[in-house]
Amino acid sequence: MYTVYSVNGVPIRFTYERWHHIIDNHDDLAGYYDTILTCVESPLMIIQGNNKSLKAIRNISKHRWLVVVYKELNPLDGFIITAYFLNKKPKGKVIWKLH
């Protein structure tokens, strides 16, 4: 398990179980463990997700966007749910943006 801090200062856990879930369902992310962590720590923007989840967004290349879905349970605990690539900039309600 590895922990990073969200832009809100909340420690976000990335468990081995979640990592295996991600690469089992999105094998194109197999070499992106550290990039997923960086996306939560230093996103380009955060979009509101479903069920109080948050989506950290980073642009990987011209037509490749990394989305990491995570949840902040309280100010002292959170966890990564999943991650995936998109071919275009994600849409949704932006709740935080890098200036």
PDB file of N, CA and C in Angstrom:
ATOM      1  N   MET A   1       0.842  -1.179   0.000  1.00  0.00           N
ATOM      2  CA  MET A   1       0.000   0.000   0.000  1.00  0.00           C
ATOM      3  C   MET A   1       0.887   1.243   0.000  1.00  0.00           C
ATOM      4  N   TYR A   2       0.454   2.259  -0.730  1.00  0.00           N
ATOM      5  CA  TYR A   2       1.162   3.515  -0.789  1.00  0.00           C
ATOM      6  C   TYR A   2       0.160   4.631  -0.508  1.00  0.00           C
ATOM      7  N   THR A   3       0.614   5.717   0.099  1.00  0.00           N
ATOM      8  CA  THR A   3      -0.262   6.834   0.434  1.00  0.00           C
ATOM      9  C   THR A   3       0.304   8.126  -0.147  1.00  0.00           C
ATOM     10  N   VAL A   4      -0.584   8.913  -0.772  1.00  0.00           N
ATOM     11  CA  VAL A   4      -0.241  10.255  -1.250  1.00  0.00           C
ATOM     12  C   VAL A   4      -1.263  11.225  -0.664  1.00  0.00           C
ATOM     13  N   TYR A   5      -1.025  12.498  -0.823  1.00  0.00           N
ATOM     14  CA  TYR A   5      -1.944  13.500  -0.288  1.00  0.00           C
ATOM     15  C   TYR A   5      -2.657  14.227  -1.420  1.00  0.00           C
ATOM     16  N   SER A   6      -3.974  14.336  -1.281  1.00  0.00           N
ATOM     17  CA  SER A   6      -4.776  15.041  -2.280  1.00  0.00           C
ATOM     18  C   SER A   6      -4.521  16.543  -2.172  1.00  0.00           C
ATOM     19  N   VAL A   7      -5.079  17.310  -3.099  1.00  0.00           N
ATOM     20  CA  VAL A   7      -4.933  18.768  -3.053  1.00  0.00           C
ATOM     21  C   VAL A   7      -5.586  19.350  -1.807  1.00  0.00           C
ATOM     22  N   ASN A   8      -6.468  18.587  -1.171  1.00  0.00           N
ATOM     23  CA  ASN A   8      -7.112  19.014   0.076  1.00  0.00           C
ATOM     24  C   ASN A   8      -6.313  18.608   1.306  1.00  0.00           C
ATOM     25  N   GLY A   9      -5.162  17.968   1.099  1.00  0.00           N
ATOM     26  CA  GLY A   9      -4.326  17.539   2.205  1.00  0.00           C
ATOM     27  C   GLY A   9      -4.771  16.241   2.864  1.00  0.00           C
ATOM     28  N   VAL A  10      -5.681  15.518   2.221  1.00  0.00           N
ATOM     29  CA  VAL A  10      -6.185  14.253   2.761  1.00  0.00           C
ATOM     30  C   VAL A  10      -5.276  13.114   2.306  1.00  0.00           C
ATOM     31  N   PRO A  11      -4.830  12.245   3.226  1.00  0.00           N
ATOM     32  CA  PRO A  11      -4.043  11.086   2.803  1.00  0.00           C
ATOM     33  C   PRO A  11      -4.923  10.104   2.027  1.00  0.00           C
ATOM     34  N   ILE A  12      -4.474   9.746   0.830  1.00  0.00           N
ATOM     35  CA  ILE A  12      -5.233   8.864  -0.066  1.00  0.00           C
ATOM     36  C   ILE A  12      -4.450   7.558  -0.204  1.00  0.00           C
ATOM     37  N   ARG A  13      -5.072   6.456   0.221  1.00  0.00           N
ATOM     38  CA  ARG A  13      -4.442   5.128   0.162  1.00  0.00           C
ATOM     39  C   ARG A  13      -4.593   4.537  -1.242  1.00  0.00           C
ATOM     40  N   PHE A  14      -3.534   3.886  -1.698  1.00  0.00           N
ATOM     41  CA  PHE A  14      -3.570   3.130  -2.950  1.00  0.00           C
ATOM     42  C   PHE A  14      -3.153   1.708  -2.604  1.00  0.00           C
ATOM     43  N   THR A  15      -4.134   0.846  -2.393  1.00  0.00           N
ATOM     44  CA  THR A  15      -3.863  -0.516  -1.948  1.00  0.00           C
ATOM     45  C   THR A  15      -3.496  -1.402  -3.131  1.00  0.00           C
ATOM     46  N   TYR A  16      -2.832  -2.502  -2.824  1.00  0.00           N
ATOM     47  CA  TYR A  16      -2.477  -3.468  -3.868  1.00  0.00           C
ATOM     48  C   TYR A  16      -3.733  -4.073  -4.486  1.00  0.00           C
ATOM     49  N   GLU A  17      -4.776  -4.234  -3.704  1.00  0.00           N
ATOM     50  CA  GLU A  17      -6.041  -4.771  -4.230  1.00  0.00           C
ATOM     51  C   GLU A  17      -6.595  -3.838  -5.305  1.00  0.00           C
ATOM     52  N   ARG A  18      -6.560  -2.541  -5.068  1.00  0.00           N
ATOM     53  CA  ARG A  18      -7.067  -1.570  -6.050  1.00  0.00           C
ATOM     54  C   ARG A  18      -6.164  -1.543  -7.279  1.00  0.00           C
ATOM     55  N   TRP A  19      -4.835  -1.624  -7.074  1.00  0.00           N
ATOM     56  CA  TRP A  19      -3.906  -1.648  -8.197  1.00  0.00           C
ATOM     57  C   TRP A  19      -4.213  -2.842  -9.096  1.00  0.00           C
ATOM     58  N   HIS A  20      -4.418  -4.013  -8.504  1.00  0.00           N
ATOM     59  CA  HIS A  20      -4.726  -5.209  -9.292  1.00  0.00           C
ATOM     60  C   HIS A  20      -6.082  -5.088  -9.977  1.00  0.00           C
ATOM     61  N   HIS A  21      -7.041  -4.472  -9.318  1.00  0.00           N
ATOM     62  CA  HIS A  21      -8.341  -4.214  -9.948  1.00  0.00           C
ATOM     63  C   HIS A  21      -8.155  -3.348 -11.199  1.00  0.00           C
ATOM     64  N   ILE A  22      -7.347  -2.301 -11.072  1.00  0.00           N
ATOM     65  CA  ILE A  22      -7.136  -1.380 -12.190  1.00  0.00           C
ATOM     66  C   ILE A  22      -6.470  -2.099 -13.365  1.00  0.00           C
ATOM     67  N   ILE A  23      -5.371  -2.796 -13.118  1.00  0.00           N
ATOM     68  CA  ILE A  23      -4.663  -3.413 -14.245  1.00  0.00           C
ATOM     69  C   ILE A  23      -5.399  -4.635 -14.801  1.00  0.00           C
ATOM     70  N   ASP A  24      -6.238  -5.273 -13.989  1.00  0.00           N
ATOM     71  CA  ASP A  24      -7.065  -6.374 -14.510  1.00  0.00           C
ATOM     72  C   ASP A  24      -8.130  -5.868 -15.472  1.00  0.00           C
ATOM     73  N   ASN A  25      -8.650  -4.667 -15.197  1.00  0.00           N
ATOM     74  CA  ASN A  25      -9.718  -4.105 -16.021  1.00  0.00           C
ATOM     75  C   ASN A  25      -9.236  -3.110 -17.075  1.00  0.00           C
ATOM     76  N   HIS A  26      -8.054  -2.580 -16.876  1.00  0.00           N
ATOM     77  CA  HIS A  26      -7.494  -1.569 -17.794  1.00  0.00           C
ATOM     78  C   HIS A  26      -6.014  -1.892 -17.983  1.00  0.00           C
ATOM     79  N   ASP A  27      -5.710  -2.933 -18.734  1.00  0.00           N
ATOM     80  CA  ASP A  27      -4.321  -3.374 -18.870  1.00  0.00           C
ATOM     81  C   ASP A  27      -3.401  -2.322 -19.491  1.00  0.00           C
ATOM     82  N   ASP A  28      -3.976  -1.316 -20.151  1.00  0.00           N
ATOM     83  CA  ASP A  28      -3.162  -0.242 -20.715  1.00  0.00           C
ATOM     84  C   ASP A  28      -2.551   0.644 -19.627  1.00  0.00           C
ATOM     85  N   LEU A  29      -2.963   0.479 -18.372  1.00  0.00           N
ATOM     86  CA  LEU A  29      -2.412   1.246 -17.259  1.00  0.00           C
ATOM     87  C   LEU A  29      -1.298   0.509 -16.512  1.00  0.00           C
ATOM     88  N   ALA A  30      -0.903  -0.649 -16.992  1.00  0.00           N
ATOM     89  CA  ALA A  30       0.046  -1.504 -16.266  1.00  0.00           C
ATOM     90  C   ALA A  30       1.350  -0.793 -15.885  1.00  0.00           C
ATOM     91  N   GLY A  31       1.854   0.089 -16.704  1.00  0.00           N
ATOM     92  CA  GLY A  31       3.105   0.784 -16.401  1.00  0.00           C
ATOM     93  C   GLY A  31       2.922   2.147 -15.766  1.00  0.00           C
ATOM     94  N   TYR A  32       1.742   2.435 -15.250  1.00  0.00           N
ATOM     95  CA  TYR A  32       1.418   3.785 -14.790  1.00  0.00           C
ATOM     96  C   TYR A  32       1.161   3.907 -13.290  1.00  0.00           C
ATOM     97  N   TYR A  33       1.699   2.992 -12.489  1.00  0.00           N
ATOM     98  CA  TYR A  33       1.485   3.028 -11.039  1.00  0.00           C
ATOM     99  C   TYR A  33       1.851   4.403 -10.464  1.00  0.00           C
ATOM    100  N   ASP A  34       3.086   4.849 -10.711  1.00  0.00           N
ATOM    101  CA  ASP A  34       3.545   6.133 -10.169  1.00  0.00           C
ATOM    102  C   ASP A  34       2.770   7.307 -10.750  1.00  0.00           C
ATOM    103  N   THR A  35       2.372   7.209 -11.999  1.00  0.00           N
ATOM    104  CA  THR A  35       1.614   8.281 -12.647  1.00  0.00           C
ATOM    105  C   THR A  35       0.238   8.423 -12.012  1.00  0.00           C
ATOM    106  N   ILE A  36      -0.368   7.318 -11.621  1.00  0.00           N
ATOM    107  CA  ILE A  36      -1.660   7.357 -10.931  1.00  0.00           C
ATOM    108  C   ILE A  36      -1.518   8.101  -9.604  1.00  0.00           C
ATOM    109  N   LEU A  37      -0.461   7.795  -8.872  1.00  0.00           N
ATOM    110  CA  LEU A  37      -0.222   8.496  -7.603  1.00  0.00           C
ATOM    111  C   LEU A  37       0.019   9.988  -7.826  1.00  0.00           C
ATOM    112  N   THR A  38       0.809  10.313  -8.839  1.00  0.00           N
ATOM    113  CA  THR A  38       1.094  11.713  -9.159  1.00  0.00           C
ATOM    114  C   THR A  38      -0.174  12.452  -9.556  1.00  0.00           C
ATOM    115  N   CYS A  39      -1.059  11.769 -10.259  1.00  0.00           N
ATOM    116  CA  CYS A  39      -2.317  12.382 -10.691  1.00  0.00           C
ATOM    117  C   CYS A  39      -3.153  12.831  -9.497  1.00  0.00           C
ATOM    118  N   VAL A  40      -3.164  12.047  -8.432  1.00  0.00           N
ATOM    119  CA  VAL A  40      -3.914  12.420  -7.227  1.00  0.00           C
ATOM    120  C   VAL A  40      -3.217  13.571  -6.505  1.00  0.00           C
ATOM    121  N   GLU A  41      -1.899  13.518  -6.426  1.00  0.00           N
ATOM    122  CA  GLU A  41      -1.131  14.552  -5.723  1.00  0.00           C
ATOM    123  C   GLU A  41      -1.058  15.870  -6.478  1.00  0.00           C
ATOM    124  N   SER A  42      -0.934  15.788  -7.800  1.00  0.00           N
ATOM    125  CA  SER A  42      -0.719  16.988  -8.626  1.00  0.00           C
ATOM    126  C   SER A  42      -1.592  16.952  -9.874  1.00  0.00           C
ATOM    127  N   PRO A  43      -2.902  17.030  -9.706  1.00  0.00           N
ATOM    128  CA  PRO A  43      -3.786  16.974 -10.883  1.00  0.00           C
ATOM    129  C   PRO A  43      -3.816  18.294 -11.637  1.00  0.00           C
ATOM    130  N   LEU A  44      -4.250  18.213 -12.882  1.00  0.00           N
ATOM    131  CA  LEU A  44      -4.529  19.417 -13.657  1.00  0.00           C
ATOM    132  C   LEU A  44      -5.846  20.022 -13.177  1.00  0.00           C
ATOM    133  N   MET A  45      -6.794  19.125 -12.864  1.00  0.00           N
ATOM    134  CA  MET A  45      -8.086  19.551 -12.336  1.00  0.00           C
ATOM    135  C   MET A  45      -8.732  18.385 -11.593  1.00  0.00           C
ATOM    136  N   ILE A  46      -9.751  18.706 -10.814  1.00  0.00           N
ATOM    137  CA  ILE A  46     -10.558  17.696 -10.141  1.00  0.00           C
ATOM    138  C   ILE A  46     -12.005  17.929 -10.519  1.00  0.00           C
ATOM    139  N   ILE A  47     -12.658  16.848 -10.942  1.00  0.00           N
ATOM    140  CA  ILE A  47     -14.058  16.886 -11.354  1.00  0.00           C
ATOM    141  C   ILE A  47     -14.872  16.092 -10.344  1.00  0.00           C
ATOM    142  N   GLN A  48     -16.070  16.576 -10.053  1.00  0.00           N
ATOM    143  CA  GLN A  48     -16.971  15.849  -9.151  1.00  0.00           C
ATOM    144  C   GLN A  48     -17.391  14.539  -9.788  1.00  0.00           C
ATOM    145  N   GLY A  49     -17.280  13.443  -9.047  1.00  0.00           N
ATOM    146  CA  GLY A  49     -17.703  12.128  -9.524  1.00  0.00           C
ATOM    147  C   GLY A  49     -19.034  11.730  -8.921  1.00  0.00           C
ATOM    148  N   ASN A  50     -19.367  10.460  -9.043  1.00  0.00           N
ATOM    149  CA  ASN A  50     -20.596   9.922  -8.471  1.00  0.00           C
ATOM    150  C   ASN A  50     -20.391   9.531  -7.013  1.00  0.00           C
ATOM    151  N   ASN A  51     -21.468   9.557  -6.249  1.00  0.00           N
ATOM    152  CA  ASN A  51     -21.435   9.102  -4.847  1.00  0.00           C
ATOM    153  C   ASN A  51     -20.312   9.736  -4.034  1.00  0.00           C
ATOM    154  N   LYS A  52     -20.157  11.031  -4.180  1.00  0.00           N
ATOM    155  CA  LYS A  52     -19.161  11.816  -3.442  1.00  0.00           C
ATOM    156  C   LYS A  52     -17.714  11.461  -3.777  1.00  0.00           C
ATOM    157  N   SER A  53     -17.508  10.827  -4.923  1.00  0.00           N
ATOM    158  CA  SER A  53     -16.139  10.550  -5.358  1.00  0.00           C
ATOM    159  C   SER A  53     -15.593  11.774  -6.085  1.00  0.00           C
ATOM    160  N   LEU A  54     -14.289  11.780  -6.267  1.00  0.00           N
ATOM    161  CA  LEU A  54     -13.596  12.846  -6.978  1.00  0.00           C
ATOM    162  C   LEU A  54     -12.805  12.219  -8.111  1.00  0.00           C
ATOM    163  N   LYS A  55     -12.637  12.967  -9.201  1.00  0.00           N
ATOM    164  CA  LYS A  55     -11.862  12.487 -10.342  1.00  0.00           C
ATOM    165  C   LYS A  55     -10.694  13.426 -10.570  1.00  0.00           C
ATOM    166  N   ALA A  56      -9.501  12.924 -10.281  1.00  0.00           N
ATOM    167  CA  ALA A  56      -8.278  13.690 -10.551  1.00  0.00           C
ATOM    168  C   ALA A  56      -7.920  13.478 -12.015  1.00  0.00           C
ATOM    169  N   ILE A  57      -7.590  14.564 -12.709  1.00  0.00           N
ATOM    170  CA  ILE A  57      -7.341  14.534 -14.145  1.00  0.00           C
ATOM    171  C   ILE A  57      -5.942  15.048 -14.454  1.00  0.00           C
ATOM    172  N   ARG A  58      -5.235  14.321 -15.324  1.00  0.00           N
ATOM    173  CA  ARG A  58      -3.949  14.789 -15.863  1.00  0.00           C
ATOM    174  C   ARG A  58      -3.917  14.490 -17.348  1.00  0.00           C
ATOM    175  N   ASN A  59      -3.305  15.405 -18.079  1.00  0.00           N
ATOM    176  CA  ASN A  59      -3.120  15.213 -19.513  1.00  0.00           C
ATOM    177  C   ASN A  59      -1.793  14.486 -19.714  1.00  0.00           C
ATOM    178  N   ILE A  60      -1.856  13.289 -20.329  1.00  0.00           N
ATOM    179  CA  ILE A  60      -0.667  12.474 -20.537  1.00  0.00           C
ATOM    180  C   ILE A  60      -0.017  12.791 -21.883  1.00  0.00           C
ATOM    181  N   SER A  61      -0.832  13.001 -22.895  1.00  0.00           N
ATOM    182  CA  SER A  61      -0.357  13.386 -24.220  1.00  0.00           C
ATOM    183  C   SER A  61      -1.500  14.096 -24.934  1.00  0.00           C
ATOM    184  N   LYS A  62      -1.302  14.428 -26.211  1.00  0.00           N
ATOM    185  CA  LYS A  62      -2.291  15.230 -26.938  1.00  0.00           C
ATOM    186  C   LYS A  62      -3.701  14.647 -26.868  1.00  0.00           C
ATOM    187  N   HIS A  63      -3.844  13.359 -27.042  1.00  0.00           N
ATOM    188  CA  HIS A  63      -5.166  12.724 -27.027  1.00  0.00           C
ATOM    189  C   HIS A  63      -5.263  11.646 -25.958  1.00  0.00           C
ATOM    190  N   ARG A  64      -4.652  11.890 -24.804  1.00  0.00           N
ATOM    191  CA  ARG A  64      -4.677  10.887 -23.736  1.00  0.00           C
ATOM    192  C   ARG A  64      -4.779  11.579 -22.382  1.00  0.00           C
ATOM    193  N   TRP A  65      -5.875  11.309 -21.703  1.00  0.00           N
ATOM    194  CA  TRP A  65      -6.139  11.888 -20.396  1.00  0.00           C
ATOM    195  C   TRP A  65      -6.244  10.776 -19.369  1.00  0.00           C
ATOM    196  N   LEU A  66      -5.563  10.934 -18.253  1.00  0.00           N
ATOM    197  CA  LEU A  66      -5.658   9.973 -17.160  1.00  0.00           C
ATOM    198  C   LEU A  66      -6.687  10.479 -16.150  1.00  0.00           C
ATOM    199  N   VAL A  67      -7.597   9.602 -15.782  1.00  0.00           N
ATOM    200  CA  VAL A  67      -8.612   9.904 -14.772  1.00  0.00           C
ATOM    201  C   VAL A  67      -8.401   8.938 -13.614  1.00  0.00           C
ATOM    202  N   VAL A  68      -8.219   9.468 -12.415  1.00  0.00           N
ATOM    203  CA  VAL A  68      -8.109   8.642 -11.216  1.00  0.00           C
ATOM    204  C   VAL A  68      -9.283   8.990 -10.308  1.00  0.00           C
ATOM    205  N   VAL A  69     -10.121   8.000 -10.054  1.00  0.00           N
ATOM    206  CA  VAL A  69     -11.297   8.190  -9.210  1.00  0.00           C
ATOM    207  C   VAL A  69     -10.915   7.816  -7.779  1.00  0.00           C
ATOM    208  N   TYR A  70     -11.190   8.727  -6.850  1.00  0.00           N
ATOM    209  CA  TYR A  70     -10.873   8.461  -5.448  1.00  0.00           C
ATOM    210  C   TYR A  70     -11.933   9.086  -4.553  1.00  0.00           C
ATOM    211  N   LYS A  71     -11.877   8.712  -3.290  1.00  0.00           N
ATOM    212  CA  LYS A  71     -12.846   9.216  -2.327  1.00  0.00           C
ATOM    213  C   LYS A  71     -12.114   9.709  -1.092  1.00  0.00           C
ATOM    214  N   GLU A  72     -12.540  10.854  -0.595  1.00  0.00           N
ATOM    215  CA  GLU A  72     -12.048  11.382   0.672  1.00  0.00           C
ATOM    216  C   GLU A  72     -13.134  11.080   1.710  1.00  0.00           C
ATOM    217  N   LEU A  73     -12.868  10.127   2.584  1.00  0.00           N
ATOM    218  CA  LEU A  73     -13.858   9.728   3.587  1.00  0.00           C
ATOM    219  C   LEU A  73     -13.999  10.767   4.688  1.00  0.00           C
ATOM    220  N   ASN A  74     -12.864  11.330   5.089  1.00  0.00           N
ATOM    221  CA  ASN A  74     -12.819  12.380   6.104  1.00  0.00           C
ATOM    222  C   ASN A  74     -11.462  13.072   5.952  1.00  0.00           C
ATOM    223  N   PRO A  75     -11.157  14.079   6.765  1.00  0.00           N
ATOM    224  CA  PRO A  75      -9.881  14.791   6.588  1.00  0.00           C
ATOM    225  C   PRO A  75      -8.631  13.944   6.811  1.00  0.00           C
ATOM    226  N   LEU A  76      -8.799  12.734   7.359  1.00  0.00           N
ATOM    227  CA  LEU A  76      -7.643  11.895   7.672  1.00  0.00           C
ATOM    228  C   LEU A  76      -7.577  10.602   6.867  1.00  0.00           C
ATOM    229  N   ASP A  77      -8.520  10.386   5.942  1.00  0.00           N
ATOM    230  CA  ASP A  77      -8.534   9.109   5.236  1.00  0.00           C
ATOM    231  C   ASP A  77      -9.259   9.202   3.901  1.00  0.00           C
ATOM    232  N   GLY A  78      -8.661   8.561   2.911  1.00  0.00           N
ATOM    233  CA  GLY A  78      -9.270   8.446   1.596  1.00  0.00           C
ATOM    234  C   GLY A  78      -8.629   7.298   0.848  1.00  0.00           C
ATOM    235  N   PHE A  79      -9.181   6.944  -0.298  1.00  0.00           N
ATOM    236  CA  PHE A  79      -8.637   5.817  -1.053  1.00  0.00           C
ATOM    237  C   PHE A  79      -8.933   5.955  -2.533  1.00  0.00           C
ATOM    238  N   ILE A  80      -8.071   5.353  -3.352  1.00  0.00           N
ATOM    239  CA  ILE A  80      -8.261   5.319  -4.799  1.00  0.00           C
ATOM    240  C   ILE A  80      -9.232   4.195  -5.119  1.00  0.00           C
ATOM    241  N   ILE A  81     -10.190   4.487  -5.999  1.00  0.00           N
ATOM    242  CA  ILE A  81     -11.194   3.508  -6.411  1.00  0.00           C
ATOM    243  C   ILE A  81     -10.771   2.833  -7.710  1.00  0.00           C
ATOM    244  N   THR A  82     -10.470   3.635  -8.728  1.00  0.00           N
ATOM    245  CA  THR A  82     -10.078   3.097 -10.025  1.00  0.00           C
ATOM    246  C   THR A  82      -9.372   4.181 -10.833  1.00  0.00           C
ATOM    247  N   ALA A  83      -8.900   3.806 -12.004  1.00  0.00           N
ATOM    248  CA  ALA A  83      -8.260   4.754 -12.916  1.00  0.00           C
ATOM    249  C   ALA A  83      -8.468   4.249 -14.340  1.00  0.00           C
ATOM    250  N   TYR A  84      -8.456   5.187 -15.277  1.00  0.00           N
ATOM    251  CA  TYR A  84      -8.633   4.820 -16.684  1.00  0.00           C
ATOM    252  C   TYR A  84      -8.166   5.971 -17.563  1.00  0.00           C
ATOM    253  N   PHE A  85      -7.954   5.660 -18.844  1.00  0.00           N
ATOM    254  CA  PHE A  85      -7.593   6.655 -19.838  1.00  0.00           C
ATOM    255  C   PHE A  85      -8.819   7.056 -20.647  1.00  0.00           C
ATOM    256  N   LEU A  86      -8.833   8.308 -21.073  1.00  0.00           N
ATOM    257  CA  LEU A  86      -9.823   8.806 -22.035  1.00  0.00           C
ATOM    258  C   LEU A  86      -9.076   9.430 -23.205  1.00  0.00           C
ATOM    259  N   ASN A  87      -9.732   9.446 -24.371  1.00  0.00           N
ATOM    260  CA  ASN A  87      -9.129  10.040 -25.572  1.00  0.00           C
ATOM    261  C   ASN A  87      -9.413  11.525 -25.714  1.00  0.00           C
ATOM    262  N   LYS A  88     -10.317  12.055 -24.898  1.00  0.00           N
ATOM    263  CA  LYS A  88     -10.562  13.494 -24.904  1.00  0.00           C
ATOM    264  C   LYS A  88     -10.711  14.007 -23.484  1.00  0.00           C
ATOM    265  N   LYS A  89     -10.612  15.304 -23.357  1.00  0.00           N
ATOM    266  CA  LYS A  89     -10.673  15.935 -22.040  1.00  0.00           C
ATOM    267  C   LYS A  89     -11.981  15.554 -21.354  1.00  0.00           C
ATOM    268  N   PRO A  90     -11.900  15.073 -20.110  1.00  0.00           N
ATOM    269  CA  PRO A  90     -13.114  14.684 -19.383  1.00  0.00           C
ATOM    270  C   PRO A  90     -14.025  15.882 -19.136  1.00  0.00           C
ATOM    271  N   LYS A  91     -15.312  15.604 -19.106  1.00  0.00           N
ATOM    272  CA  LYS A  91     -16.311  16.638 -18.826  1.00  0.00           C
ATOM    273  C   LYS A  91     -16.878  16.412 -17.442  1.00  0.00           C
ATOM    274  N   GLY A  92     -17.447  17.453 -16.891  1.00  0.00           N
ATOM    275  CA  GLY A  92     -18.068  17.370 -15.578  1.00  0.00           C
ATOM    276  C   GLY A  92     -17.858  18.658 -14.820  1.00  0.00           C
ATOM    277  N   LYS A  93     -18.421  18.698 -13.633  1.00  0.00           N
ATOM    278  CA  LYS A  93     -18.319  19.888 -12.789  1.00  0.00           C
ATOM    279  C   LYS A  93     -16.916  19.968 -12.194  1.00  0.00           C
ATOM    280  N   VAL A  94     -16.168  20.974 -12.613  1.00  0.00           N
ATOM    281  CA  VAL A  94     -14.812  21.183 -12.118  1.00  0.00           C
ATOM    282  C   VAL A  94     -14.913  21.797 -10.730  1.00  0.00           C
ATOM    283  N   ILE A  95     -14.317  21.131  -9.748  1.00  0.00           N
ATOM    284  CA  ILE A  95     -14.362  21.660  -8.386  1.00  0.00           C
ATOM    285  C   ILE A  95     -13.004  22.184  -7.916  1.00  0.00           C
ATOM    286  N   TRP A  96     -11.946  21.893  -8.687  1.00  0.00           N
ATOM    287  CA  TRP A  96     -10.617  22.420  -8.400  1.00  0.00           C
ATOM    288  C   TRP A  96      -9.838  22.419  -9.704  1.00  0.00           C
ATOM    289  N   LYS A  97      -9.040  23.473  -9.903  1.00  0.00           N
ATOM    290  CA  LYS A  97      -8.242  23.568 -11.124  1.00  0.00           C
ATOM    291  C   LYS A  97      -6.896  24.187 -10.798  1.00  0.00           C
ATOM    292  N   LEU A  98      -5.840  23.653 -11.413  1.00  0.00           N
ATOM    293  CA  LEU A  98      -4.497  24.208 -11.261  1.00  0.00           C
ATOM    294  C   LEU A  98      -4.458  25.564 -11.943  1.00  0.00           C
ATOM    295  N   HIS A  99      -3.910  26.546 -11.257  1.00  0.00           N
ATOM    296  CA  HIS A  99      -3.859  27.898 -11.851  1.00  0.00           C
ATOM    297  C   HIS A  99      -2.598  28.106 -12.613  1.00  0.00           C
TER     298      HIS A  99
END
